[in-house]
Amino acid sequence: MDELIGAAQRHPAKYWHKLDDGRIQCDLCPRDCKLHDGQRGACFVRGRVGDAMVLTTYGRSSGFCIDPIEKKPLNQFYPGSSILSFGTAGCNLACRFCQNWDISKSRSFDKLMDQANPEAIACSAQKYGCKSVAFTYNDPVIFAEYAMDVADACHARGLKTVAVTAGYIHAQPRREFFSKMDAANVDLKAFTEEFYIKQTGSHLQPVLDTLRYLKHETDVWLELTTLLIPGLNDSSQEISAMSDWIIKELGPDVPLHFSAFHPDYKLTDIPPTPIETLIRARQIALDAGLRYVYIGNAHHTEGDTTYCPSCGSELIVRDWYEIKQYRLTADGHCNHCNAVIAGRYERFTGQFGRQRIPVRIGASA
């Protein structure tokens, strides 16, 4: 194991077993990395030391920020509330279009300058008046042990927890990980196996399995995000097929966010997503029967707004991450026709707004 990783960063990891040939197999995600002593998995942060698996980023973060919940994006999970967000380093996917590549693709632990134990994070979130804590920026699946401990500390203080993830995880750790989460935004990166293999180095089916599991076997509030990349996953046929699958397998009430791509990492030769593409995708999904479809990473008030699927009234009008009008009852009913609006709600007393506030959290604060 890398000399930069001292004993303090070698936190015991779960989800592995020994193979007959002497290697250790990581059982966290479908990559099934098989390691000799001193080797790391594809995620870079889970590795073998001696005869055990360790997590090298436990208690170490790339930074903490207080965000609006809509930035995750979650539009129907306590709208207007604030959320303490943080991530670590590494990722178990290899997305060529990663928008957080400096963190998720990091192979240097100088990115992890902020240290905080689970109790310190929960305490800080409560101190700053946050409704919830988000595991984001890189995929929390790869630091599952840390995220789950933070979630326990948050729940002890009455805080909610949110996973922003690609959903690339095996069944057993999936059960344990999501049992600690109150909400998730899952990146459904495309709807073809070819895209997943060529652009992410992974497979589509495990993600679909995670989505079915979340919807049908948990109480986790679920929203989806698809980053539309021109020429790769933005055809009308693919968007239609994906929308039909969501309705059939997850139901019409799962919110779907179509997000704009900008050139980054290894896809700098592809232009940004035109707003017309996002509008077209949203309309296809609505026409297919999805009730809540949003546009992200682009200024489009209609695509930011939550509408009542029963009477069509504007319920939550947003300008970027700022709520301009809020017309829902405390228990999530339309103020006009009293229809139930899918999501998690409480009495709306104000909003955090569009600001983003970096914070420092001491290791034992």
Protein backbone atom coordinates (compact mmCIF):
# COMPACT_ATOMS: atom_id res chain seq x y z
CA MET A 1 0.00 0.00 0.00
CA ASP A 2 1.14 3.49 -0.87
CA GLU A 3 3.51 5.06 1.66
CA LEU A 4 1.27 8.13 1.79
CA ILE A 5 -1.36 6.04 3.52
CA GLY A 6 -0.44 5.73 7.14
CA ALA A 7 -1.97 3.42 9.70
CA ALA A 8 -4.54 6.04 10.70
CA GLN A 9 -6.02 5.95 7.20
CA ARG A 10 -6.30 2.17 7.05
CA HIS A 11 -9.84 1.77 8.29
CA PRO A 12 -11.17 -1.80 8.14
CA ALA A 13 -13.44 -2.32 5.15
CA LYS A 14 -16.39 -4.66 4.76
CA TYR A 15 -17.50 -6.64 1.72
CA TRP A 16 -14.59 -8.85 0.68
CA HIS A 17 -13.52 -12.49 0.76
CA LYS A 18 -10.36 -14.51 0.20
CA LEU A 19 -9.91 -16.49 -2.99
CA ASP A 20 -8.28 -19.90 -3.32
CA ASP A 21 -5.33 -18.39 -5.20
CA GLY A 22 -4.46 -16.15 -2.25
CA ARG A 23 -5.94 -12.95 -3.61
CA ILE A 24 -8.70 -10.96 -1.90
CA GLN A 25 -11.83 -10.06 -3.86
CA CYS A 26 -13.70 -6.86 -3.11
CA ASP A 27 -17.44 -7.59 -3.06
CA LEU A 28 -18.67 -4.01 -2.86
CA CYS A 29 -19.42 -3.38 -6.53
CA PRO A 30 -19.68 -5.37 -9.77
CA ARG A 31 -16.06 -4.68 -10.65
CA ASP A 32 -15.11 -7.54 -8.27
CA CYS A 33 -11.50 -6.35 -7.99
CA LYS A 34 -9.10 -9.16 -7.09
CA LEU A 35 -6.08 -7.92 -5.19
CA HIS A 36 -2.66 -9.03 -4.06
CA ASP A 37 -1.14 -7.47 -0.94
CA GLY A 38 -0.48 -3.77 -1.46
CA GLN A 39 -2.82 -3.40 -4.43
CA ARG A 40 -5.76 -1.02 -4.70
CA GLY A 41 -9.07 -1.58 -6.45
CA ALA A 42 -10.23 0.35 -9.49
CA CYS A 43 -11.77 2.95 -7.18
CA PHE A 44 -8.27 3.58 -5.78
CA VAL A 45 -9.51 4.03 -2.20
CA ARG A 46 -10.20 0.41 -1.25
CA GLY A 47 -7.10 -1.72 -1.02
CA ARG A 48 -5.48 -4.76 0.49
CA VAL A 49 -3.12 -4.57 3.44
CA GLY A 50 -1.95 -7.97 4.59
CA ASP A 51 -4.91 -10.31 4.67
CA ALA A 52 -7.64 -7.68 4.92
CA MET A 53 -9.35 -4.95 2.94
CA VAL A 54 -9.06 -1.33 4.09
CA LEU A 55 -10.77 1.95 3.25
CA THR A 56 -8.12 4.65 2.93
CA THR A 57 -10.44 7.69 2.91
CA TYR A 58 -12.38 7.09 6.13
CA GLY A 59 -12.70 10.39 7.98
CA ARG A 60 -11.09 12.39 5.18
CA SER A 61 -12.92 14.74 2.82
CA SER A 62 -12.25 16.83 -0.26
CA GLY A 63 -14.26 19.61 1.39
CA PHE A 64 -17.59 20.55 2.98
CA CYS A 65 -20.20 22.95 1.59
CA ILE A 66 -23.71 23.94 2.54
CA ASP A 67 -25.91 23.79 -0.57
CA PRO A 68 -29.58 24.11 -1.44
CA ILE A 69 -31.17 20.66 -1.60
CA GLU A 70 -32.15 21.41 -5.22
CA LYS A 71 -28.46 21.33 -6.18
CA LYS A 72 -28.14 17.59 -5.54
CA PRO A 73 -30.53 17.64 -7.50
CA LEU A 74 -33.55 16.78 -5.35
CA ASN A 75 -36.60 18.89 -6.15
CA GLN A 76 -39.18 16.97 -4.12
CA PHE A 77 -37.29 16.22 -0.91
CA TYR A 78 -37.93 19.03 1.58
CA PRO A 79 -37.74 21.80 -1.06
CA GLY A 80 -35.93 24.95 -0.03
CA SER A 81 -33.94 23.26 2.73
CA SER A 82 -30.17 23.35 3.12
CA ILE A 83 -27.87 20.35 3.02
CA LEU A 84 -24.29 19.83 4.17
CA SER A 85 -22.46 18.20 1.26
CA PHE A 86 -19.14 16.38 1.14
CA GLY A 87 -17.21 13.72 -0.71
CA THR A 88 -13.84 12.00 -0.56
CA ALA A 89 -11.74 10.89 -3.55
CA GLY A 90 -11.83 8.15 -6.15
CA CYS A 91 -14.68 6.43 -7.99
CA ASN A 92 -15.63 2.93 -9.11
CA LEU A 93 -16.69 4.15 -12.56
CA ALA A 94 -14.45 5.56 -15.28
CA CYS A 95 -16.72 8.17 -16.86
CA ARG A 96 -14.96 9.97 -19.68
CA PHE A 97 -17.29 12.95 -19.15
CA CYS A 98 -16.94 13.28 -15.37
CA GLN A 99 -17.85 16.80 -14.24
CA ASN A 100 -16.04 16.31 -10.90
CA TRP A 101 -13.00 14.54 -12.32
CA ASP A 102 -10.50 16.46 -10.18
CA ILE A 103 -12.04 14.74 -7.14
CA SER A 104 -13.41 11.46 -8.44
CA LYS A 105 -10.31 10.67 -10.52
CA SER A 106 -7.84 11.90 -7.94
CA ARG A 107 -4.86 9.67 -7.25
CA SER A 108 -3.38 12.14 -4.80
CA PHE A 109 -4.44 12.37 -1.20
CA ASP A 110 -3.52 16.04 -1.04
CA LYS A 111 -7.13 16.50 -2.23
CA LEU A 112 -8.27 15.25 1.17
CA MET A 113 -7.26 18.08 3.45
CA ASP A 114 -10.42 18.22 5.56
CA GLN A 115 -10.78 15.62 8.27
CA ALA A 116 -13.87 14.94 10.32
CA ASN A 117 -15.31 12.03 12.20
CA PRO A 118 -18.99 11.13 11.82
CA GLU A 119 -20.09 12.86 15.00
CA ALA A 120 -18.30 16.08 14.02
CA ILE A 121 -20.10 16.13 10.66
CA ALA A 122 -23.52 15.57 12.20
CA CYS A 123 -22.84 18.16 14.87
CA SER A 124 -21.78 20.74 12.28
CA ALA A 125 -24.81 20.07 10.08
CA GLN A 126 -27.08 20.65 13.04
CA LYS A 127 -25.13 23.75 14.09
CA TYR A 128 -25.56 25.31 10.63
CA GLY A 129 -29.27 24.53 10.53
CA CYS A 130 -29.10 21.94 7.74
CA LYS A 131 -32.00 19.57 7.21
CA SER A 132 -29.77 16.83 5.84
CA VAL A 133 -26.28 15.67 4.92
CA ALA A 134 -25.33 14.60 1.37
CA PHE A 135 -22.66 12.14 0.31
CA THR A 136 -21.74 13.52 -3.09
CA TYR A 137 -19.03 14.96 -5.42
CA ASN A 138 -17.64 11.43 -5.82
CA ASP A 139 -19.67 8.24 -5.45
CA PRO A 140 -20.38 7.42 -1.78
CA VAL A 141 -20.62 3.72 -2.60
CA ILE A 142 -16.83 3.51 -2.48
CA PHE A 143 -16.66 5.05 1.01
CA ALA A 144 -19.72 3.16 2.23
CA GLU A 145 -18.38 2.42 5.73
CA TYR A 146 -17.68 6.11 6.37
CA ALA A 147 -20.99 7.23 4.87
CA MET A 148 -22.98 4.73 6.91
CA ASP A 149 -21.31 5.80 10.15
CA VAL A 150 -22.00 9.45 9.32
CA ALA A 151 -25.62 8.53 8.56
CA ASP A 152 -25.99 6.89 11.97
CA ALA A 153 -24.63 10.03 13.66
CA CYS A 154 -26.99 12.20 11.60
CA HIS A 155 -30.06 10.15 12.40
CA ALA A 156 -29.21 10.31 16.10
CA ARG A 157 -29.54 14.10 15.79
CA GLY A 158 -32.72 14.02 13.70
CA LEU A 159 -30.99 14.83 10.41
CA LYS A 160 -31.75 13.23 7.04
CA THR A 161 -29.16 11.65 4.74
CA VAL A 162 -28.83 11.75 0.97
CA ALA A 163 -26.75 9.63 -1.42
CA VAL A 164 -25.82 11.06 -4.82
CA THR A 165 -24.65 7.96 -6.63
CA ALA A 166 -24.36 6.01 -9.86
CA GLY A 167 -25.91 3.02 -8.10
CA TYR A 168 -23.12 0.62 -9.14
CA ILE A 169 -23.14 -1.70 -6.14
CA HIS A 170 -23.70 -5.37 -5.28
CA ALA A 171 -26.88 -6.60 -3.59
CA GLN A 172 -25.64 -7.17 -0.01
CA PRO A 173 -23.83 -3.85 0.46
CA ARG A 174 -26.71 -2.18 -1.37
CA ARG A 175 -29.12 -3.35 1.31
CA GLU A 176 -26.91 -2.12 4.14
CA PHE A 177 -25.90 1.15 2.50
CA PHE A 178 -29.36 2.32 1.47
CA SER A 179 -30.89 1.27 4.79
CA LYS A 180 -29.01 4.30 6.15
CA MET A 181 -30.25 6.74 3.47
CA ASP A 182 -33.41 8.83 3.42
CA ALA A 183 -33.10 9.95 -0.20
CA ALA A 184 -31.01 9.22 -3.27
CA ASN A 185 -30.39 10.82 -6.60
CA VAL A 186 -29.13 8.11 -8.93
CA ASP A 187 -27.33 8.90 -12.17
CA LEU A 188 -28.94 6.89 -14.93
CA LYS A 189 -26.15 7.83 -17.30
CA ALA A 190 -27.73 6.43 -20.45
CA PHE A 191 -30.01 3.62 -21.52
CA THR A 192 -27.67 1.48 -23.62
CA GLU A 193 -25.07 -1.06 -22.61
CA GLU A 194 -22.76 0.32 -25.29
CA PHE A 195 -22.68 3.73 -23.63
CA TYR A 196 -22.00 2.26 -20.19
CA ILE A 197 -19.13 0.12 -21.48
CA LYS A 198 -17.47 2.72 -23.72
CA GLN A 199 -18.08 5.87 -21.69
CA THR A 200 -18.08 4.65 -18.07
CA GLY A 201 -16.22 1.33 -18.05
CA SER A 202 -19.19 -0.32 -16.35
CA HIS A 203 -22.51 -2.00 -17.16
CA LEU A 204 -26.12 -0.83 -17.27
CA GLN A 205 -27.91 -3.78 -15.66
CA PRO A 206 -26.53 -3.38 -12.10
CA VAL A 207 -27.76 0.21 -12.12
CA LEU A 208 -31.24 -0.83 -13.24
CA ASP A 209 -31.23 -3.46 -10.48
CA THR A 210 -30.38 -0.77 -7.92
CA LEU A 211 -33.20 1.44 -9.17
CA ARG A 212 -35.75 -1.37 -8.93
CA TYR A 213 -34.49 -2.21 -5.45
CA LEU A 214 -34.74 1.37 -4.21
CA LYS A 215 -38.24 1.86 -5.56
CA HIS A 216 -39.79 -1.43 -4.52
CA GLU A 217 -37.89 -2.60 -1.46
CA THR A 218 -37.02 0.58 0.46
CA ASP A 219 -38.58 3.80 1.71
CA VAL A 220 -35.76 5.88 0.20
CA TRP A 221 -37.03 8.91 -1.74
CA LEU A 222 -35.69 8.47 -5.26
CA GLU A 223 -34.94 10.94 -8.05
CA LEU A 224 -32.99 10.28 -11.26
CA THR A 225 -30.54 12.35 -13.28
CA THR A 226 -29.40 11.84 -16.87
CA LEU A 227 -26.62 14.02 -18.25
CA LEU A 228 -27.43 14.42 -21.94
CA ILE A 229 -24.28 14.34 -24.08
CA PRO A 230 -24.74 15.40 -27.72
CA GLY A 231 -24.47 12.43 -30.07
CA LEU A 232 -23.92 9.85 -27.32
CA ASN A 233 -27.13 9.42 -25.32
CA ASP A 234 -29.51 12.17 -26.46
CA SER A 235 -31.46 10.53 -29.28
CA SER A 236 -35.25 10.67 -29.10
CA GLN A 237 -35.37 6.88 -29.38
CA GLU A 238 -33.13 6.34 -26.36
CA ILE A 239 -34.90 8.94 -24.25
CA SER A 240 -38.25 7.39 -25.14
CA ALA A 241 -37.05 3.89 -24.27
CA MET A 242 -35.65 5.09 -20.96
CA SER A 243 -38.85 6.95 -20.09
CA ASP A 244 -40.97 3.90 -20.88
CA TRP A 245 -38.73 1.72 -18.69
CA ILE A 246 -38.96 4.15 -15.78
CA ILE A 247 -42.75 4.22 -15.96
CA LYS A 248 -43.02 0.45 -16.24
CA GLU A 249 -40.44 -0.48 -13.61
CA LEU A 250 -40.45 2.48 -11.19
CA GLY A 251 -43.73 4.25 -11.82
CA PRO A 252 -44.67 7.72 -13.09
CA ASP A 253 -43.96 9.58 -9.84
CA VAL A 254 -40.16 9.24 -9.84
CA PRO A 255 -38.74 12.67 -10.76
CA LEU A 256 -36.32 12.72 -13.68
CA HIS A 257 -33.74 15.46 -14.26
CA PHE A 258 -32.22 15.99 -17.71
CA SER A 259 -28.95 17.79 -17.13
CA ALA A 260 -26.79 19.78 -19.56
CA PHE A 261 -23.32 18.51 -20.40
CA HIS A 262 -20.33 20.82 -20.69
CA PRO A 263 -17.00 19.72 -22.20
CA ASP A 264 -14.75 18.30 -19.50
CA TYR A 265 -12.18 15.65 -18.62
CA LYS A 266 -11.82 13.34 -21.67
CA LEU A 267 -14.76 14.67 -23.69
CA THR A 268 -13.57 18.17 -24.46
CA ASP A 269 -14.27 17.76 -28.17
CA ILE A 270 -18.06 17.52 -27.72
CA PRO A 271 -20.06 20.77 -27.53
CA PRO A 272 -22.33 21.69 -24.63
CA THR A 273 -25.87 20.36 -24.64
CA PRO A 274 -28.20 22.76 -26.47
CA ILE A 275 -31.20 23.94 -24.47
CA GLU A 276 -33.39 22.64 -27.30
CA THR A 277 -32.15 19.10 -26.59
CA LEU A 278 -33.11 19.39 -22.93
CA ILE A 279 -36.55 20.77 -23.78
CA ARG A 280 -37.12 17.97 -26.32
CA ALA A 281 -36.07 15.29 -23.82
CA ARG A 282 -38.33 16.72 -21.14
CA GLN A 283 -41.30 16.72 -23.50
CA ILE A 284 -40.65 13.12 -24.58
CA ALA A 285 -40.60 12.01 -20.94
CA LEU A 286 -43.77 13.96 -20.13
CA ASP A 287 -45.54 12.56 -23.17
CA ALA A 288 -44.53 9.06 -22.08
CA GLY A 289 -46.36 9.63 -18.78
CA LEU A 290 -43.73 10.76 -16.30
CA ARG A 291 -45.27 13.37 -14.01
CA TYR A 292 -42.21 15.27 -12.78
CA VAL A 293 -39.50 16.05 -15.33
CA TYR A 294 -36.89 18.74 -14.83
CA ILE A 295 -34.08 20.50 -16.68
CA GLY A 296 -30.73 20.98 -14.94
CA ASN A 297 -27.49 22.89 -15.51
CA ALA A 298 -29.40 25.34 -17.70
CA HIS A 299 -31.65 28.30 -17.02
CA HIS A 300 -35.19 27.26 -17.85
CA THR A 301 -37.93 28.29 -15.44
CA GLU A 302 -40.52 25.87 -16.83
CA GLY A 303 -38.03 23.02 -16.54
CA ASP A 304 -37.23 24.02 -12.94
CA THR A 305 -40.87 24.19 -11.85
CA THR A 306 -42.86 21.49 -10.08
CA TYR A 307 -46.36 21.17 -11.53
CA CYS A 308 -49.42 19.42 -10.15
CA PRO A 309 -49.98 16.37 -12.36
CA SER A 310 -53.71 16.55 -11.60
CA CYS A 311 -54.69 20.18 -12.31
CA GLY A 312 -51.50 21.49 -13.92
CA SER A 313 -50.98 24.30 -11.41
CA GLU A 314 -47.50 25.69 -10.76
CA LEU A 315 -46.66 24.45 -7.28
CA ILE A 316 -42.97 25.23 -6.80
CA VAL A 317 -41.63 27.87 -9.18
CA ARG A 318 -37.83 27.98 -9.24
CA ASP A 319 -35.24 30.27 -10.76
CA TRP A 320 -32.13 28.11 -10.76
CA TYR A 321 -32.01 27.00 -7.11
CA GLU A 322 -34.14 29.82 -5.75
CA ILE A 323 -37.83 29.22 -5.00
CA LYS A 324 -40.00 32.09 -6.27
CA GLN A 325 -43.41 30.61 -5.38
CA TYR A 326 -44.43 27.73 -3.13
CA ARG A 327 -48.01 26.43 -3.23
CA LEU A 328 -47.98 23.11 -1.40
CA THR A 329 -49.56 22.23 1.91
CA ALA A 330 -47.34 21.06 4.77
CA ASP A 331 -48.22 17.43 4.05
CA GLY A 332 -47.57 17.68 0.31
CA HIS A 333 -50.95 18.41 -1.29
CA CYS A 334 -51.70 20.79 -4.14
CA ASN A 335 -53.14 24.04 -2.80
CA HIS A 336 -55.52 24.20 -5.76
CA CYS A 337 -57.01 20.72 -6.13
CA ASN A 338 -55.69 18.93 -3.03
CA ALA A 339 -53.99 16.22 -5.10
CA VAL A 340 -51.16 14.36 -3.39
CA ILE A 341 -47.74 15.39 -4.74
CA ALA A 342 -45.08 12.70 -4.57
CA GLY A 343 -42.14 13.57 -2.35
CA ARG A 344 -41.18 14.46 1.22
CA TYR A 345 -42.50 17.74 2.57
CA GLU A 346 -43.05 19.80 5.69
CA ARG A 347 -44.40 23.26 6.43
CA PHE A 348 -42.57 25.74 4.19
CA THR A 349 -41.23 28.62 6.28
CA GLY A 350 -38.54 29.96 3.97
CA GLN A 351 -35.67 28.79 1.85
CA PHE A 352 -31.91 28.53 1.86
CA GLY A 353 -31.73 30.00 -1.64
CA ARG A 354 -29.08 29.57 -4.33
CA GLN A 355 -26.02 30.30 -2.18
CA ARG A 356 -23.19 27.83 -1.65
CA ILE A 357 -21.23 28.18 1.58
CA PRO A 358 -17.90 26.35 2.12
CA VAL A 359 -17.35 25.34 5.74
CA ARG A 360 -14.47 23.84 7.69
CA ILE A 361 -15.06 21.00 10.10
CA GLY A 362 -12.37 20.03 12.56
CA ALA A 363 -11.50 16.37 13.04
CA SER A 364 -13.08 16.37 16.49
CA ALA A 365 -15.23 19.49 16.28
